[in-house]
Amino acid sequence: MKRKFTYLNLWLHVIALAITINFAFAANTVQQDTTIAIRKAKNAKNSYLKNGLPFALPPLKPGIVSTTKVNVNRQGQDEKLLSNVQVYPNPVTNQQLNVSYEVSRNTNITIKIVDLLGNDIATIFSQRVESGDQKFSYNLNNKLSRGFYFVRIMAGTESTIKKLSIL
């Protein structure tokens, strides 16, 4: 018990001494620092008034205002990858499905037939195509029963869905 008390007492004295020294140095340096800073500020203020700024500014030029518009075409943000999508004839009666679309740059195209619940019925096209107008024909041959379906055309991350009726 005596040894524990001695170690505890010793640590308390060391901490108290450290705090006291810290306050003593802090109080002493704050006074000196503020008086030195005030003297420097007064001298600096007078020297700036007499000599100007302690550094040279670049020469001033009149502002030039341009009225030219600059168009920056950020690929993928301003321009859609897939456009002008058409599915015909609709409703399908002769078992021939035609799809036409326009692609702005080379990309992978996937065309799927999807039912009303969103289940994939068939993938009818999946290839890389060149940019420009594209046409695709698919013969259904009684692969789908009568009803309503959707044709999903995916180009990269873009997707377009068109309604399809089969009679």
Protein backbone atom coordinates (compact mmCIF):
# COMPACT_ATOMS: atom_id res chain seq x y z
CA MET A 1 0.00 0.00 0.00
CA LYS A 2 2.81 2.35 0.85
CA ARG A 3 4.49 1.80 -2.55
CA LYS A 4 1.27 2.52 -4.49
CA PHE A 5 0.77 5.73 -2.57
CA THR A 6 4.32 6.82 -3.28
CA TYR A 7 4.01 6.22 -7.08
CA LEU A 8 0.64 7.96 -7.20
CA ASN A 9 1.94 10.88 -5.19
CA LEU A 10 5.02 11.14 -7.42
CA TRP A 11 2.95 11.22 -10.64
CA LEU A 12 0.58 13.84 -9.26
CA HIS A 13 3.56 16.07 -8.36
CA VAL A 14 5.09 15.62 -11.83
CA ILE A 15 1.83 16.52 -13.56
CA ALA A 16 1.28 19.55 -11.30
CA LEU A 17 4.84 20.74 -11.94
CA ALA A 18 4.42 20.35 -15.71
CA ILE A 19 1.16 22.35 -15.68
CA THR A 20 2.76 25.11 -13.58
CA ILE A 21 5.77 25.38 -15.89
CA ASN A 22 3.51 25.42 -18.92
CA PHE A 23 1.45 28.31 -17.54
CA ALA A 24 4.59 30.22 -16.58
CA PHE A 25 6.10 29.95 -20.05
CA ALA A 26 2.79 30.70 -21.72
CA ALA A 27 2.18 33.85 -19.69
CA ASN A 28 5.72 35.10 -20.27
CA THR A 29 5.78 34.48 -24.05
CA VAL A 30 2.33 35.94 -24.68
CA GLN A 31 3.34 39.29 -23.22
CA GLN A 32 6.60 39.42 -25.12
CA ASP A 33 5.06 38.25 -28.36
CA THR A 34 2.25 40.81 -28.30
CA THR A 35 4.53 43.72 -27.54
CA ILE A 36 6.94 42.68 -30.28
CA ALA A 37 4.06 42.19 -32.73
CA ILE A 38 2.63 45.64 -31.91
CA ARG A 39 6.03 47.29 -32.42
CA LYS A 40 6.53 45.47 -35.74
CA ALA A 41 3.06 46.46 -36.92
CA LYS A 42 3.68 50.15 -36.15
CA ASN A 43 7.03 50.11 -37.93
CA ALA A 44 5.62 48.17 -40.87
CA LYS A 45 2.66 50.56 -41.18
CA ASN A 46 4.96 53.56 -41.35
CA SER A 47 7.31 51.87 -43.83
CA TYR A 48 4.39 50.87 -46.11
CA LEU A 49 3.15 54.43 -46.14
CA LYS A 50 6.59 55.73 -47.04
CA ASN A 51 7.88 53.03 -49.38
CA GLY A 52 4.71 51.40 -50.71
CA LEU A 53 4.15 47.66 -50.71
CA PRO A 54 7.11 45.39 -49.92
CA PHE A 55 6.60 43.57 -53.23
CA ALA A 56 5.94 44.62 -56.82
CA LEU A 57 2.59 43.97 -58.45
CA PRO A 58 2.46 42.92 -62.11
CA PRO A 59 1.46 45.67 -64.52
CA LEU A 60 -2.29 46.02 -64.97
CA LYS A 61 -3.83 45.40 -68.38
CA PRO A 62 -7.38 46.34 -69.29
CA GLY A 63 -9.78 43.42 -69.15
CA ILE A 64 -10.56 41.81 -72.48
CA VAL A 65 -14.10 40.53 -72.88
CA SER A 66 -14.62 37.92 -75.55
CA THR A 67 -17.98 37.30 -77.15
CA THR A 68 -16.87 34.10 -78.88
CA LYS A 69 -18.78 31.05 -77.69
CA VAL A 70 -16.80 27.90 -77.18
CA ASN A 71 -18.69 24.61 -77.48
CA VAL A 72 -17.15 21.69 -75.68
CA ASN A 73 -18.70 18.39 -76.72
CA ARG A 74 -18.32 15.98 -73.83
CA GLN A 75 -18.86 12.54 -75.23
CA GLY A 76 -21.66 10.68 -73.51
CA GLN A 77 -23.16 13.67 -71.71
CA ASP A 78 -24.48 16.00 -74.41
CA GLU A 79 -25.04 13.39 -77.08
CA LYS A 80 -27.25 10.33 -76.75
CA LEU A 81 -25.74 7.08 -77.90
CA LEU A 82 -29.04 5.56 -79.08
CA SER A 83 -31.76 7.51 -80.87
CA ASN A 84 -34.60 7.23 -83.43
CA VAL A 85 -35.67 3.78 -82.25
CA GLN A 86 -38.63 2.32 -84.17
CA VAL A 87 -40.30 -1.10 -83.91
CA TYR A 88 -42.62 -1.96 -86.82
CA PRO A 89 -45.06 -3.27 -87.86
CA ASN A 90 -46.96 -2.85 -84.65
CA PRO A 91 -49.14 -4.89 -84.10
CA VAL A 92 -47.21 -7.76 -85.67
CA THR A 93 -49.45 -9.88 -87.92
CA ASN A 94 -47.07 -11.48 -90.43
CA GLN A 95 -44.52 -12.82 -87.89
CA GLN A 96 -41.80 -10.44 -89.20
CA LEU A 97 -40.42 -7.90 -86.65
CA ASN A 98 -38.36 -4.94 -87.87
CA VAL A 99 -36.27 -2.68 -85.65
CA SER A 100 -34.50 0.45 -86.82
CA TYR A 101 -32.31 2.74 -84.70
CA GLU A 102 -29.48 5.23 -84.95
CA VAL A 103 -26.19 4.89 -83.06
CA SER A 104 -23.88 7.90 -82.60
CA ARG A 105 -20.66 5.85 -82.22
CA ASN A 106 -19.47 2.23 -82.39
CA THR A 107 -20.92 0.23 -79.50
CA ASN A 108 -22.42 -3.10 -78.46
CA ILE A 109 -26.15 -3.39 -79.16
CA THR A 110 -28.45 -5.92 -77.50
CA ILE A 111 -32.09 -6.32 -78.52
CA LYS A 112 -34.32 -8.39 -76.21
CA ILE A 113 -37.99 -9.25 -76.10
CA VAL A 114 -39.41 -8.90 -72.58
CA ASP A 115 -42.83 -9.85 -71.21
CA LEU A 116 -45.07 -7.59 -69.12
CA LEU A 117 -43.40 -8.72 -65.87
CA GLY A 118 -39.93 -7.83 -67.12
CA ASN A 119 -38.76 -11.40 -67.74
CA ASP A 120 -36.45 -11.88 -70.73
CA ILE A 121 -38.22 -14.00 -73.36
CA ALA A 122 -35.58 -13.92 -76.11
CA THR A 123 -32.38 -12.15 -77.04
CA ILE A 124 -32.79 -11.56 -80.76
CA PHE A 125 -29.62 -9.53 -81.43
CA SER A 126 -26.35 -8.95 -79.60
CA GLN A 127 -23.40 -7.58 -81.59
CA ARG A 128 -21.05 -4.64 -81.95
CA VAL A 129 -22.31 -2.23 -84.61
CA GLU A 130 -20.86 0.75 -86.45
CA SER A 131 -22.17 4.27 -85.98
CA GLY A 132 -25.09 5.45 -88.13
CA ASP A 133 -28.55 4.16 -89.06
CA GLN A 134 -29.10 0.44 -88.43
CA LYS A 135 -31.96 -1.88 -89.39
CA PHE A 136 -32.64 -5.35 -88.08
CA SER A 137 -35.29 -7.89 -89.08
CA TYR A 138 -36.31 -10.92 -87.02
CA ASN A 139 -38.67 -13.73 -88.00
CA LEU A 140 -40.83 -14.71 -85.03
CA ASN A 141 -42.13 -18.03 -86.55
CA ASN A 142 -44.78 -18.49 -83.85
CA LYS A 143 -42.14 -18.27 -81.08
CA LEU A 144 -44.32 -15.85 -79.14
CA SER A 145 -47.96 -16.30 -78.26
CA ARG A 146 -50.51 -13.57 -78.81
CA GLY A 147 -50.27 -10.69 -76.37
CA PHE A 148 -48.29 -7.65 -75.34
CA TYR A 149 -44.50 -7.58 -75.07
CA PHE A 150 -41.72 -5.02 -74.89
CA VAL A 151 -38.64 -4.71 -77.07
CA ARG A 152 -35.62 -3.52 -75.06
CA ILE A 153 -32.71 -2.09 -77.06
CA MET A 154 -29.54 -1.57 -75.02
CA ALA A 155 -26.53 0.39 -76.26
CA GLY A 156 -23.75 0.61 -73.70
CA THR A 157 -25.42 1.90 -70.54
CA GLU A 158 -28.42 3.40 -72.36
CA SER A 159 -31.64 1.50 -72.79
CA THR A 160 -34.81 2.17 -74.77
CA ILE A 161 -38.05 0.18 -74.42
CA LYS A 162 -40.79 0.01 -77.05
CA LYS A 163 -44.21 -1.65 -76.74
CA LEU A 164 -44.99 -4.59 -79.06
CA SER A 165 -48.38 -6.22 -79.78
CA ILE A 166 -48.60 -9.67 -81.38
CA LEU A 167 -51.92 -10.72 -82.92
